[in-house]
PDB file of N, CA and C in Angstrom:
ATOM      1  N   MET A   1       5.568 -10.250  73.014  1.00  0.00           N
ATOM      2  CA  MET A   1       4.443 -10.616  72.393  1.00  0.00           C
ATOM      3  C   MET A   1       4.095 -12.112  72.673  1.00  0.00           C
ATOM      4  N   GLN A   2       5.181 -12.857  73.003  1.00  0.00           N
ATOM      5  CA  GLN A   2       5.161 -14.225  73.201  1.00  0.00           C
ATOM      6  C   GLN A   2       4.398 -14.640  74.679  1.00  0.00           C
ATOM      7  N   TRP A   3       4.193 -13.714  75.432  1.00  0.00           N
ATOM      8  CA  TRP A   3       3.787 -13.912  76.747  1.00  0.00           C
ATOM      9  C   TRP A   3       2.827 -12.954  77.180  1.00  0.00           C
ATOM     10  N   PHE A   4       2.477 -12.118  76.451  1.00  0.00           N
ATOM     11  CA  PHE A   4       1.493 -10.951  76.860  1.00  0.00           C
ATOM     12  C   PHE A   4       0.038 -11.591  76.961  1.00  0.00           C
ATOM     13  N   GLY A   5      -0.560 -10.876  77.918  1.00  0.00           N
ATOM     14  CA  GLY A   5      -2.040 -11.148  78.271  1.00  0.00           C
ATOM     15  C   GLY A   5      -2.388 -12.441  78.970  1.00  0.00           C
ATOM     16  N   PRO A   6      -3.694 -12.594  79.226  1.00  0.00           N
ATOM     17  CA  PRO A   6      -4.070 -13.699  80.105  1.00  0.00           C
ATOM     18  C   PRO A   6      -4.229 -14.883  79.309  1.00  0.00           C
ATOM     19  N   THR A   7      -4.280 -16.063  79.842  1.00  0.00           N
ATOM     20  CA  THR A   7      -4.250 -17.477  79.090  1.00  0.00           C
ATOM     21  C   THR A   7      -5.232 -17.507  77.895  1.00  0.00           C
ATOM     22  N   SER A   8      -6.239 -16.762  77.952  1.00  0.00           N
ATOM     23  CA  SER A   8      -7.145 -16.850  76.807  1.00  0.00           C
ATOM     24  C   SER A   8      -6.826 -16.163  75.625  1.00  0.00           C
ATOM     25  N   VAL A   9      -5.589 -15.579  75.396  1.00  0.00           N
ATOM     26  CA  VAL A   9      -5.226 -14.766  74.368  1.00  0.00           C
ATOM     27  C   VAL A   9      -4.589 -15.961  73.406  1.00  0.00           C
ATOM     28  N   GLU A  10      -5.333 -15.832  72.098  1.00  0.00           N
ATOM     29  CA  GLU A  10      -4.942 -16.741  71.108  1.00  0.00           C
ATOM     30  C   GLU A  10      -3.640 -16.618  70.462  1.00  0.00           C
ATOM     31  N   GLU A  11      -2.877 -17.818  70.511  1.00  0.00           N
ATOM     32  CA  GLU A  11      -1.556 -17.775  70.030  1.00  0.00           C
ATOM     33  C   GLU A  11      -1.283 -17.174  68.720  1.00  0.00           C
ATOM     34  N   GLY A  12      -0.251 -16.225  68.689  1.00  0.00           N
ATOM     35  CA  GLY A  12      -0.008 -15.632  67.371  1.00  0.00           C
ATOM     36  C   GLY A  12      -0.844 -14.256  67.104  1.00  0.00           C
ATOM     37  N   SER A  13      -1.954 -14.003  67.982  1.00  0.00           N
ATOM     38  CA  SER A  13      -2.868 -12.878  67.658  1.00  0.00           C
ATOM     39  C   SER A  13      -2.335 -11.573  68.167  1.00  0.00           C
ATOM     40  N   VAL A  14      -1.274 -11.529  68.972  1.00  0.00           N
ATOM     41  CA  VAL A  14      -0.806 -10.315  69.650  1.00  0.00           C
ATOM     42  C   VAL A  14      -0.123  -9.343  68.661  1.00  0.00           C
ATOM     43  N   LYS A  15      -0.493  -8.054  68.514  1.00  0.00           N
ATOM     44  CA  LYS A  15       0.394  -7.178  67.738  1.00  0.00           C
ATOM     45  C   LYS A  15       0.374  -6.060  68.607  1.00  0.00           C
ATOM     46  N   ALA A  16       1.508  -5.366  68.418  1.00  0.00           N
ATOM     47  CA  ALA A  16       1.921  -4.145  69.230  1.00  0.00           C
ATOM     48  C   ALA A  16       2.589  -2.986  68.533  1.00  0.00           C
ATOM     49  N   ASP A  17       2.262  -1.880  68.649  1.00  0.00           N
ATOM     50  CA  ASP A  17       2.832  -0.712  68.257  1.00  0.00           C
ATOM     51  C   ASP A  17       3.205   0.051  69.261  1.00  0.00           C
ATOM     52  N   ILE A  18       4.579   0.358  69.393  1.00  0.00           N
ATOM     53  CA  ILE A  18       5.218   1.003  70.723  1.00  0.00           C
ATOM     54  C   ILE A  18       6.080   2.066  70.302  1.00  0.00           C
ATOM     55  N   ASP A  19       5.847   3.079  70.882  1.00  0.00           N
ATOM     56  CA  ASP A  19       6.877   4.382  70.757  1.00  0.00           C
ATOM     57  C   ASP A  19       7.459   4.549  72.420  1.00  0.00           C
ATOM     58  N   LEU A  20       8.382   3.819  72.706  1.00  0.00           N
ATOM     59  CA  LEU A  20       8.724   3.648  74.231  1.00  0.00           C
ATOM     60  C   LEU A  20       9.681   5.016  74.477  1.00  0.00           C
ATOM     61  N   ARG A  21       8.916   6.001  74.773  1.00  0.00           N
ATOM     62  CA  ARG A  21       9.721   7.278  75.312  1.00  0.00           C
ATOM     63  C   ARG A  21       8.471   7.978  76.017  1.00  0.00           C
ATOM     64  N   VAL A  22       8.836   8.895  77.016  1.00  0.00           N
ATOM     65  CA  VAL A  22       7.902   9.771  77.673  1.00  0.00           C
ATOM     66  C   VAL A  22       7.111  10.628  76.641  1.00  0.00           C
ATOM     67  N   GLY A  23       5.942  10.422  76.764  1.00  0.00           N
ATOM     68  CA  GLY A  23       5.028  11.046  75.738  1.00  0.00           C
ATOM     69  C   GLY A  23       4.654  10.259  74.533  1.00  0.00           C
ATOM     70  N   GLY A  24       5.431   9.102  74.286  1.00  0.00           N
ATOM     71  CA  GLY A  24       5.140   8.191  73.254  1.00  0.00           C
ATOM     72  C   GLY A  24       3.824   7.263  73.423  1.00  0.00           C
ATOM     73  N   ARG A  25       3.321   6.903  72.414  1.00  0.00           N
ATOM     74  CA  ARG A  25       2.026   6.217  72.594  1.00  0.00           C
ATOM     75  C   ARG A  25       2.277   4.638  72.376  1.00  0.00           C
ATOM     76  N   TYR A  26       1.468   3.705  72.867  1.00  0.00           N
ATOM     77  CA  TYR A  26       1.449   2.323  72.287  1.00  0.00           C
ATOM     78  C   TYR A  26       0.043   1.897  72.136  1.00  0.00           C
ATOM     79  N   ARG A  27       0.017   0.857  71.405  1.00  0.00           N
ATOM     80  CA  ARG A  27      -1.393   0.033  70.982  1.00  0.00           C
ATOM     81  C   ARG A  27      -1.003  -1.234  70.910  1.00  0.00           C
ATOM     82  N   ILE A  28      -1.773  -2.218  71.735  1.00  0.00           N
ATOM     83  CA  ILE A  28      -1.713  -3.597  71.733  1.00  0.00           C
ATOM     84  C   ILE A  28      -3.037  -4.204  71.336  1.00  0.00           C
ATOM     85  N   SER A  29      -3.016  -5.089  70.401  1.00  0.00           N
ATOM     86  CA  SER A  29      -4.313  -5.783  69.882  1.00  0.00           C
ATOM     87  C   SER A  29      -4.100  -7.240  70.159  1.00  0.00           C
ATOM     88  N   PHE A  30      -5.096  -7.958  70.323  1.00  0.00           N
ATOM     89  CA  PHE A  30      -5.036  -9.489  70.424  1.00  0.00           C
ATOM     90  C   PHE A  30      -6.506 -10.063  70.342  1.00  0.00           C
ATOM     91  N   ARG A  31      -6.468 -11.306  70.062  1.00  0.00           N
ATOM     92  CA  ARG A  31      -7.744 -12.055  70.141  1.00  0.00           C
ATOM     93  C   ARG A  31      -7.781 -12.893  71.389  1.00  0.00           C
ATOM     94  N   ALA A  32      -8.994 -13.007  72.006  1.00  0.00           N
ATOM     95  CA  ALA A  32      -9.034 -13.773  73.196  1.00  0.00           C
ATOM     96  C   ALA A  32     -10.662 -14.508  73.195  1.00  0.00           C
ATOM     97  N   ASN A  33     -10.806 -15.674  73.353  1.00  0.00           N
ATOM     98  CA  ASN A  33     -12.063 -16.172  73.350  1.00  0.00           C
ATOM     99  C   ASN A  33     -12.953 -15.816  72.046  1.00  0.00           C
ATOM    100  N   GLY A  34     -12.266 -15.695  70.865  1.00  0.00           N
ATOM    101  CA  GLY A  34     -12.895 -15.280  69.694  1.00  0.00           C
ATOM    102  C   GLY A  34     -13.016 -13.793  69.460  1.00  0.00           C
ATOM    103  N   ASP A  35     -12.761 -13.017  70.653  1.00  0.00           N
ATOM    104  CA  ASP A  35     -13.072 -11.592  70.388  1.00  0.00           C
ATOM    105  C   ASP A  35     -11.767 -10.716  70.117  1.00  0.00           C
ATOM    106  N   TYR A  36     -11.934  -9.729  69.409  1.00  0.00           N
ATOM    107  CA  TYR A  36     -10.832  -8.822  69.272  1.00  0.00           C
ATOM    108  C   TYR A  36     -10.720  -7.846  70.391  1.00  0.00           C
ATOM    109  N   ASN A  37      -9.642  -7.609  70.986  1.00  0.00           N
ATOM    110  CA  ASN A  37      -9.240  -6.592  72.005  1.00  0.00           C
ATOM    111  C   ASN A  37      -8.166  -5.662  71.683  1.00  0.00           C
ATOM    112  N   GLU A  38      -8.313  -4.451  72.029  1.00  0.00           N
ATOM    113  CA  GLU A  38      -7.299  -3.635  71.776  1.00  0.00           C
ATOM    114  C   GLU A  38      -7.188  -2.511  73.144  1.00  0.00           C
ATOM    115  N   VAL A  39      -6.088  -2.385  73.462  1.00  0.00           N
ATOM    116  CA  VAL A  39      -5.737  -1.354  74.572  1.00  0.00           C
ATOM    117  C   VAL A  39      -4.671  -0.414  74.204  1.00  0.00           C
ATOM    118  N   GLY A  40      -4.467   0.741  74.713  1.00  0.00           N
ATOM    119  CA  GLY A  40      -3.429   1.684  74.366  1.00  0.00           C
ATOM    120  C   GLY A  40      -3.331   2.600  75.447  1.00  0.00           C
ATOM    121  N   GLY A  41      -2.323   3.692  75.254  1.00  0.00           N
ATOM    122  CA  GLY A  41      -2.051   4.565  76.180  1.00  0.00           C
ATOM    123  C   GLY A  41      -0.867   5.350  75.915  1.00  0.00           C
ATOM    124  N   VAL A  42      -0.365   6.085  76.864  1.00  0.00           N
ATOM    125  CA  VAL A  42       0.757   6.973  76.640  1.00  0.00           C
ATOM    126  C   VAL A  42       1.821   6.664  77.810  1.00  0.00           C
ATOM    127  N   TYR A  43       2.994   6.769  77.497  1.00  0.00           N
ATOM    128  CA  TYR A  43       4.004   6.461  78.501  1.00  0.00           C
ATOM    129  C   TYR A  43       4.284   7.832  79.158  1.00  0.00           C
ATOM    130  N   ARG A  44       4.309   7.722  80.589  1.00  0.00           N
ATOM    131  CA  ARG A  44       4.422   8.863  81.241  1.00  0.00           C
ATOM    132  C   ARG A  44       5.851   8.962  82.072  1.00  0.00           C
ATOM    133  N   GLU A  45       6.321   7.643  82.274  1.00  0.00           N
ATOM    134  CA  GLU A  45       7.853   7.790  82.855  1.00  0.00           C
ATOM    135  C   GLU A  45       8.453   6.472  82.319  1.00  0.00           C
ATOM    136  N   VAL A  46       9.722   6.678  81.706  1.00  0.00           N
ATOM    137  CA  VAL A  46      10.444   5.729  81.116  1.00  0.00           C
ATOM    138  C   VAL A  46      11.792   5.756  81.745  1.00  0.00           C
ATOM    139  N   VAL A  47      12.317   4.863  82.656  1.00  0.00           N
ATOM    140  CA  VAL A  47      13.615   4.822  83.199  1.00  0.00           C
ATOM    141  C   VAL A  47      14.087   3.421  82.942  1.00  0.00           C
ATOM    142  N   PRO A  48      14.937   3.382  81.889  1.00  0.00           N
ATOM    143  CA  PRO A  48      15.498   2.052  81.491  1.00  0.00           C
ATOM    144  C   PRO A  48      16.018   1.099  82.549  1.00  0.00           C
ATOM    145  N   ASN A  49      15.405  -0.114  82.600  1.00  0.00           N
ATOM    146  CA  ASN A  49      15.894  -1.109  83.450  1.00  0.00           C
ATOM    147  C   ASN A  49      15.431  -0.980  84.850  1.00  0.00           C
ATOM    148  N   GLU A  50      14.571   0.014  85.096  1.00  0.00           N
ATOM    149  CA  GLU A  50      14.298   0.463  86.579  1.00  0.00           C
ATOM    150  C   GLU A  50      12.529   0.699  86.750  1.00  0.00           C
ATOM    151  N   ARG A  51      12.121   1.521  85.643  1.00  0.00           N
ATOM    152  CA  ARG A  51      10.568   2.046  86.095  1.00  0.00           C
ATOM    153  C   ARG A  51      10.015   2.412  84.732  1.00  0.00           C
ATOM    154  N   LEU A  52       8.613   2.102  84.719  1.00  0.00           N
ATOM    155  CA  LEU A  52       7.756   2.236  83.477  1.00  0.00           C
ATOM    156  C   LEU A  52       6.432   2.589  84.015  1.00  0.00           C
ATOM    157  N   VAL A  53       5.830   3.678  83.575  1.00  0.00           N
ATOM    158  CA  VAL A  53       4.510   4.195  84.089  1.00  0.00           C
ATOM    159  C   VAL A  53       3.899   4.624  82.767  1.00  0.00           C
ATOM    160  N   PHE A  54       2.608   4.065  82.504  1.00  0.00           N
ATOM    161  CA  PHE A  54       1.848   4.509  81.430  1.00  0.00           C
ATOM    162  C   PHE A  54       0.406   4.326  81.800  1.00  0.00           C
ATOM    163  N   SER A  55      -0.449   5.095  80.868  1.00  0.00           N
ATOM    164  CA  SER A  55      -1.789   5.095  81.028  1.00  0.00           C
ATOM    165  C   SER A  55      -2.340   3.850  80.335  1.00  0.00           C
ATOM    166  N   TRP A  56      -3.711   3.447  80.657  1.00  0.00           N
ATOM    167  CA  TRP A  56      -3.998   2.207  80.176  1.00  0.00           C
ATOM    168  C   TRP A  56      -5.586   2.416  79.829  1.00  0.00           C
ATOM    169  N   ALA A  57      -5.994   2.253  78.615  1.00  0.00           N
ATOM    170  CA  ALA A  57      -7.417   2.408  78.180  1.00  0.00           C
ATOM    171  C   ALA A  57      -7.882   1.561  77.175  1.00  0.00           C
ATOM    172  N   TRP A  58      -8.770   0.779  77.248  1.00  0.00           N
ATOM    173  CA  TRP A  58      -9.361  -0.336  76.232  1.00  0.00           C
ATOM    174  C   TRP A  58      -9.837   0.618  75.063  1.00  0.00           C
ATOM    175  N   HIS A  59      -9.898   0.054  73.923  1.00  0.00           N
ATOM    176  CA  HIS A  59     -10.327   0.876  72.794  1.00  0.00           C
ATOM    177  C   HIS A  59     -11.861   1.147  72.916  1.00  0.00           C
ATOM    178  N   SER A  60     -12.462   0.215  73.264  1.00  0.00           N
ATOM    179  CA  SER A  60     -14.050   0.242  73.428  1.00  0.00           C
ATOM    180  C   SER A  60     -14.412   1.180  74.629  1.00  0.00           C
ATOM    181  N   THR A  61     -13.598   1.569  75.660  1.00  0.00           N
ATOM    182  CA  THR A  61     -13.972   2.395  76.727  1.00  0.00           C
ATOM    183  C   THR A  61     -12.729   3.384  76.952  1.00  0.00           C
ATOM    184  N   PRO A  62     -12.430   4.270  76.034  1.00  0.00           N
ATOM    185  CA  PRO A  62     -11.393   5.240  76.225  1.00  0.00           C
ATOM    186  C   PRO A  62     -11.506   6.081  77.264  1.00  0.00           C
ATOM    187  N   GLU A  63     -12.603   6.326  77.846  1.00  0.00           N
ATOM    188  CA  GLU A  63     -12.864   7.361  78.934  1.00  0.00           C
ATOM    189  C   GLU A  63     -12.545   6.662  80.241  1.00  0.00           C
ATOM    190  N   ARG A  64     -12.196   5.410  80.186  1.00  0.00           N
ATOM    191  CA  ARG A  64     -11.968   4.687  81.565  1.00  0.00           C
ATOM    192  C   ARG A  64     -10.530   4.526  81.716  1.00  0.00           C
ATOM    193  N   GLU A  65      -9.751   5.531  81.386  1.00  0.00           N
ATOM    194  CA  GLU A  65      -8.293   5.383  81.488  1.00  0.00           C
ATOM    195  C   GLU A  65      -7.975   5.113  83.019  1.00  0.00           C
ATOM    196  N   SER A  66      -6.753   4.313  82.985  1.00  0.00           N
ATOM    197  CA  SER A  66      -6.215   3.988  84.368  1.00  0.00           C
ATOM    198  C   SER A  66      -4.681   4.059  84.265  1.00  0.00           C
ATOM    199  N   LEU A  67      -4.162   3.760  85.361  1.00  0.00           N
ATOM    200  CA  LEU A  67      -2.687   4.110  85.231  1.00  0.00           C
ATOM    201  C   LEU A  67      -1.783   2.799  85.750  1.00  0.00           C
ATOM    202  N   VAL A  68      -0.844   2.367  84.921  1.00  0.00           N
ATOM    203  CA  VAL A  68      -0.017   1.110  85.374  1.00  0.00           C
ATOM    204  C   VAL A  68       1.376   1.727  85.620  1.00  0.00           C
ATOM    205  N   SER A  69       2.049   1.219  86.782  1.00  0.00           N
ATOM    206  CA  SER A  69       3.342   1.428  87.058  1.00  0.00           C
ATOM    207  C   SER A  69       4.121   0.114  87.470  1.00  0.00           C
ATOM    208  N   ILE A  70       5.286  -0.077  86.885  1.00  0.00           N
ATOM    209  CA  ILE A  70       6.073  -1.188  86.985  1.00  0.00           C
ATOM    210  C   ILE A  70       7.512  -0.713  87.312  1.00  0.00           C
ATOM    211  N   SER A  71       7.961  -1.319  88.393  1.00  0.00           N
ATOM    212  CA  SER A  71       9.224  -1.161  88.917  1.00  0.00           C
ATOM    213  C   SER A  71      10.059  -2.468  88.895  1.00  0.00           C
ATOM    214  N   ILE A  72      11.266  -2.521  88.348  1.00  0.00           N
ATOM    215  CA  ILE A  72      12.271  -3.592  88.804  1.00  0.00           C
ATOM    216  C   ILE A  72      13.542  -3.107  89.395  1.00  0.00           C
ATOM    217  N   ARG A  73      13.842  -3.880  90.295  1.00  0.00           N
ATOM    218  CA  ARG A  73      15.022  -3.683  91.019  1.00  0.00           C
ATOM    219  C   ARG A  73      15.737  -5.018  91.444  1.00  0.00           C
ATOM    220  N   PRO A  74      17.137  -5.120  91.658  1.00  0.00           N
ATOM    221  CA  PRO A  74      17.884  -6.286  91.849  1.00  0.00           C
ATOM    222  C   PRO A  74      17.447  -6.622  93.286  1.00  0.00           C
ATOM    223  N   GLU A  75      17.302  -7.925  93.369  1.00  0.00           N
ATOM    224  CA  GLU A  75      17.170  -8.560  94.747  1.00  0.00           C
ATOM    225  C   GLU A  75      17.626  -9.983  94.826  1.00  0.00           C
ATOM    226  N   GLY A  76      18.696 -10.141  95.683  1.00  0.00           N
ATOM    227  CA  GLY A  76      19.385 -11.257  95.803  1.00  0.00           C
ATOM    228  C   GLY A  76      20.122 -11.677  94.500  1.00  0.00           C
ATOM    229  N   SER A  77      19.704 -12.916  94.044  1.00  0.00           N
ATOM    230  CA  SER A  77      20.617 -13.241  92.747  1.00  0.00           C
ATOM    231  C   SER A  77      19.375 -13.139  91.643  1.00  0.00           C
ATOM    232  N   GLY A  78      18.427 -12.465  91.918  1.00  0.00           N
ATOM    233  CA  GLY A  78      17.412 -12.096  90.792  1.00  0.00           C
ATOM    234  C   GLY A  78      17.054 -10.604  90.786  1.00  0.00           C
ATOM    235  N   SER A  79      15.653 -10.641  90.437  1.00  0.00           N
ATOM    236  CA  SER A  79      15.051  -9.194  90.381  1.00  0.00           C
ATOM    237  C   SER A  79      13.738  -9.327  90.895  1.00  0.00           C
ATOM    238  N   LEU A  80      13.260  -8.062  91.503  1.00  0.00           N
ATOM    239  CA  LEU A  80      11.832  -8.002  92.184  1.00  0.00           C
ATOM    240  C   LEU A  80      11.149  -7.080  91.275  1.00  0.00           C
ATOM    241  N   LEU A  81      10.093  -7.558  90.780  1.00  0.00           N
ATOM    242  CA  LEU A  81       9.163  -6.720  89.942  1.00  0.00           C
ATOM    243  C   LEU A  81       7.996  -6.336  90.780  1.00  0.00           C
ATOM    244  N   VAL A  82       7.568  -4.968  90.684  1.00  0.00           N
ATOM    245  CA  VAL A  82       6.530  -4.406  91.568  1.00  0.00           C
ATOM    246  C   VAL A  82       5.700  -3.858  90.549  1.00  0.00           C
ATOM    247  N   PHE A  83       4.375  -4.490  90.380  1.00  0.00           N
ATOM    248  CA  PHE A  83       3.421  -4.040  89.450  1.00  0.00           C
ATOM    249  C   PHE A  83       2.295  -3.394  90.144  1.00  0.00           C
ATOM    250  N   ASN A  84       1.758  -2.180  89.679  1.00  0.00           N
ATOM    251  CA  ASN A  84       0.626  -1.646  90.226  1.00  0.00           C
ATOM    252  C   ASN A  84      -0.301  -1.001  89.152  1.00  0.00           C
ATOM    253  N   HIS A  85      -1.529  -1.374  89.214  1.00  0.00           N
ATOM    254  CA  HIS A  85      -2.471  -0.987  88.255  1.00  0.00           C
ATOM    255  C   HIS A  85      -3.468  -0.093  89.107  1.00  0.00           C
ATOM    256  N   ALA A  86      -3.768   1.111  89.032  1.00  0.00           N
ATOM    257  CA  ALA A  86      -4.562   1.801  89.876  1.00  0.00           C
ATOM    258  C   ALA A  86      -5.641   2.827  89.037  1.00  0.00           C
ATOM    259  N   GLN A  87      -6.478   3.629  89.656  1.00  0.00           N
ATOM    260  CA  GLN A  87      -7.269   4.592  89.147  1.00  0.00           C
ATOM    261  C   GLN A  87      -8.456   3.977  88.331  1.00  0.00           C
ATOM    262  N   PHE A  88      -8.954   2.791  88.731  1.00  0.00           N
ATOM    263  CA  PHE A  88     -10.107   2.132  88.120  1.00  0.00           C
ATOM    264  C   PHE A  88     -11.402   2.953  88.353  1.00  0.00           C
ATOM    265  N   VAL A  89     -12.318   2.781  87.460  1.00  0.00           N
ATOM    266  CA  VAL A  89     -13.521   3.364  87.471  1.00  0.00           C
ATOM    267  C   VAL A  89     -14.431   2.788  88.497  1.00  0.00           C
ATOM    268  N   ASP A  90     -14.312   1.401  88.771  1.00  0.00           N
ATOM    269  CA  ASP A  90     -15.060   0.657  89.702  1.00  0.00           C
ATOM    270  C   ASP A  90     -14.290  -0.610  90.101  1.00  0.00           C
ATOM    271  N   ALA A  91     -15.050  -1.179  91.091  1.00  0.00           N
ATOM    272  CA  ALA A  91     -14.397  -2.562  91.869  1.00  0.00           C
ATOM    273  C   ALA A  91     -14.453  -3.552  90.703  1.00  0.00           C
ATOM    274  N   ALA A  92     -15.413  -3.513  89.867  1.00  0.00           N
ATOM    275  CA  ALA A  92     -15.518  -4.574  88.762  1.00  0.00           C
ATOM    276  C   ALA A  92     -14.496  -4.682  87.725  1.00  0.00           C
ATOM    277  N   ALA A  93     -14.037  -3.389  87.378  1.00  0.00           N
ATOM    278  CA  ALA A  93     -12.909  -3.160  86.345  1.00  0.00           C
ATOM    279  C   ALA A  93     -11.658  -3.620  87.163  1.00  0.00           C
ATOM    280  N   ARG A  94     -11.561  -3.161  88.359  1.00  0.00           N
ATOM    281  CA  ARG A  94     -10.246  -3.578  89.205  1.00  0.00           C
ATOM    282  C   ARG A  94     -10.091  -5.037  89.211  1.00  0.00           C
ATOM    283  N   ASP A  95     -11.241  -5.729  89.583  1.00  0.00           N
ATOM    284  CA  ASP A  95     -11.273  -7.199  89.863  1.00  0.00           C
ATOM    285  C   ASP A  95     -10.774  -7.982  88.434  1.00  0.00           C
ATOM    286  N   ASN A  96     -11.408  -7.449  87.362  1.00  0.00           N
ATOM    287  CA  ASN A  96     -11.215  -8.195  85.998  1.00  0.00           C
ATOM    288  C   ASN A  96      -9.582  -7.994  85.581  1.00  0.00           C
ATOM    289  N   HIS A  97      -9.162  -6.791  85.855  1.00  0.00           N
ATOM    290  CA  HIS A  97      -7.825  -6.579  85.595  1.00  0.00           C
ATOM    291  C   HIS A  97      -6.829  -7.389  86.504  1.00  0.00           C
ATOM    292  N   GLU A  98      -7.259  -7.572  87.770  1.00  0.00           N
ATOM    293  CA  GLU A  98      -6.478  -8.242  88.658  1.00  0.00           C
ATOM    294  C   GLU A  98      -6.345  -9.866  88.008  1.00  0.00           C
ATOM    295  N   ARG A  99      -7.436 -10.223  87.646  1.00  0.00           N
ATOM    296  CA  ARG A  99      -7.332 -11.654  87.005  1.00  0.00           C
ATOM    297  C   ARG A  99      -6.444 -11.740  85.793  1.00  0.00           C
ATOM    298  N   GLY A 100      -6.747 -10.725  85.067  1.00  0.00           N
ATOM    299  CA  GLY A 100      -5.867 -10.800  83.862  1.00  0.00           C
ATOM    300  C   GLY A 100      -4.390 -10.592  84.104  1.00  0.00           C
ATOM    301  N   TRP A 101      -3.909  -9.774  84.901  1.00  0.00           N
ATOM    302  CA  TRP A 101      -2.735  -9.338  85.287  1.00  0.00           C
ATOM    303  C   TRP A 101      -1.960 -10.660  85.846  1.00  0.00           C
ATOM    304  N   THR A 102      -2.714 -11.199  86.787  1.00  0.00           N
ATOM    305  CA  THR A 102      -2.189 -12.446  87.443  1.00  0.00           C
ATOM    306  C   THR A 102      -2.031 -13.362  86.480  1.00  0.00           C
ATOM    307  N   GLU A 103      -2.783 -13.693  85.449  1.00  0.00           N
ATOM    308  CA  GLU A 103      -2.558 -14.651  84.470  1.00  0.00           C
ATOM    309  C   GLU A 103      -1.273 -14.179  83.601  1.00  0.00           C
ATOM    310  N   PHE A 104      -1.244 -12.950  83.343  1.00  0.00           N
ATOM    311  CA  PHE A 104      -0.120 -12.588  82.611  1.00  0.00           C
ATOM    312  C   PHE A 104       1.181 -12.700  83.192  1.00  0.00           C
ATOM    313  N   LEU A 105       1.211 -12.503  84.499  1.00  0.00           N
ATOM    314  CA  LEU A 105       2.544 -12.488  85.339  1.00  0.00           C
ATOM    315  C   LEU A 105       3.026 -14.030  85.226  1.00  0.00           C
ATOM    316  N   VAL A 106       1.988 -14.785  85.324  1.00  0.00           N
ATOM    317  CA  VAL A 106       2.464 -16.381  85.537  1.00  0.00           C
ATOM    318  C   VAL A 106       2.960 -16.858  84.171  1.00  0.00           C
ATOM    319  N   LYS A 107       2.414 -16.187  82.947  1.00  0.00           N
ATOM    320  CA  LYS A 107       2.923 -16.658  81.662  1.00  0.00           C
ATOM    321  C   LYS A 107       4.279 -15.848  81.548  1.00  0.00           C
ATOM    322  N   LEU A 108       4.609 -14.754  82.070  1.00  0.00           N
ATOM    323  CA  LEU A 108       5.911 -14.005  82.028  1.00  0.00           C
ATOM    324  C   LEU A 108       6.832 -14.958  82.996  1.00  0.00           C
ATOM    325  N   GLU A 109       6.486 -15.455  83.999  1.00  0.00           N
ATOM    326  CA  GLU A 109       7.220 -16.238  84.879  1.00  0.00           C
ATOM    327  C   GLU A 109       7.673 -17.501  84.245  1.00  0.00           C
ATOM    328  N   ASN A 110       6.823 -18.128  83.499  1.00  0.00           N
ATOM    329  CA  ASN A 110       7.053 -19.356  82.699  1.00  0.00           C
ATOM    330  C   ASN A 110       8.090 -19.262  81.593  1.00  0.00           C
ATOM    331  N   TYR A 111       7.697 -18.031  80.879  1.00  0.00           N
ATOM    332  CA  TYR A 111       8.633 -17.635  79.805  1.00  0.00           C
ATOM    333  C   TYR A 111       9.996 -17.581  80.147  1.00  0.00           C
ATOM    334  N   LEU A 112      10.232 -16.855  81.294  1.00  0.00           N
ATOM    335  CA  LEU A 112      11.623 -16.606  81.821  1.00  0.00           C
ATOM    336  C   LEU A 112      12.331 -17.723  82.558  1.00  0.00           C
ATOM    337  N   ALA A 113      11.618 -18.902  82.927  1.00  0.00           N
ATOM    338  CA  ALA A 113      12.116 -19.961  83.519  1.00  0.00           C
ATOM    339  C   ALA A 113      12.930 -20.709  82.494  1.00  0.00           C
TER     340      ALA A 113
END
């Protein structure tokens, strides 16, 4: 929760309920730019320390479900993270998520440094 979300996420506002198992659900809420946001979904694949696949839908538009896949594997003296978010309803949704995830990954990188 210390590095989740784009840079606009208000510090201390992230809350998460997670049932990390295939078929388990998650819900993450946060405030950004003064607005309340909530996203959730279902874990479809869980391979500890290797792969995580889950559905992704904003509380305000649950019918616009997409799919996130994250893989991690050793590479050199570190790890390679492969992140894929697919099945968007349109290009605007894809582009908005790309901006958010890019900021999210920069925050993660800084957190791990």
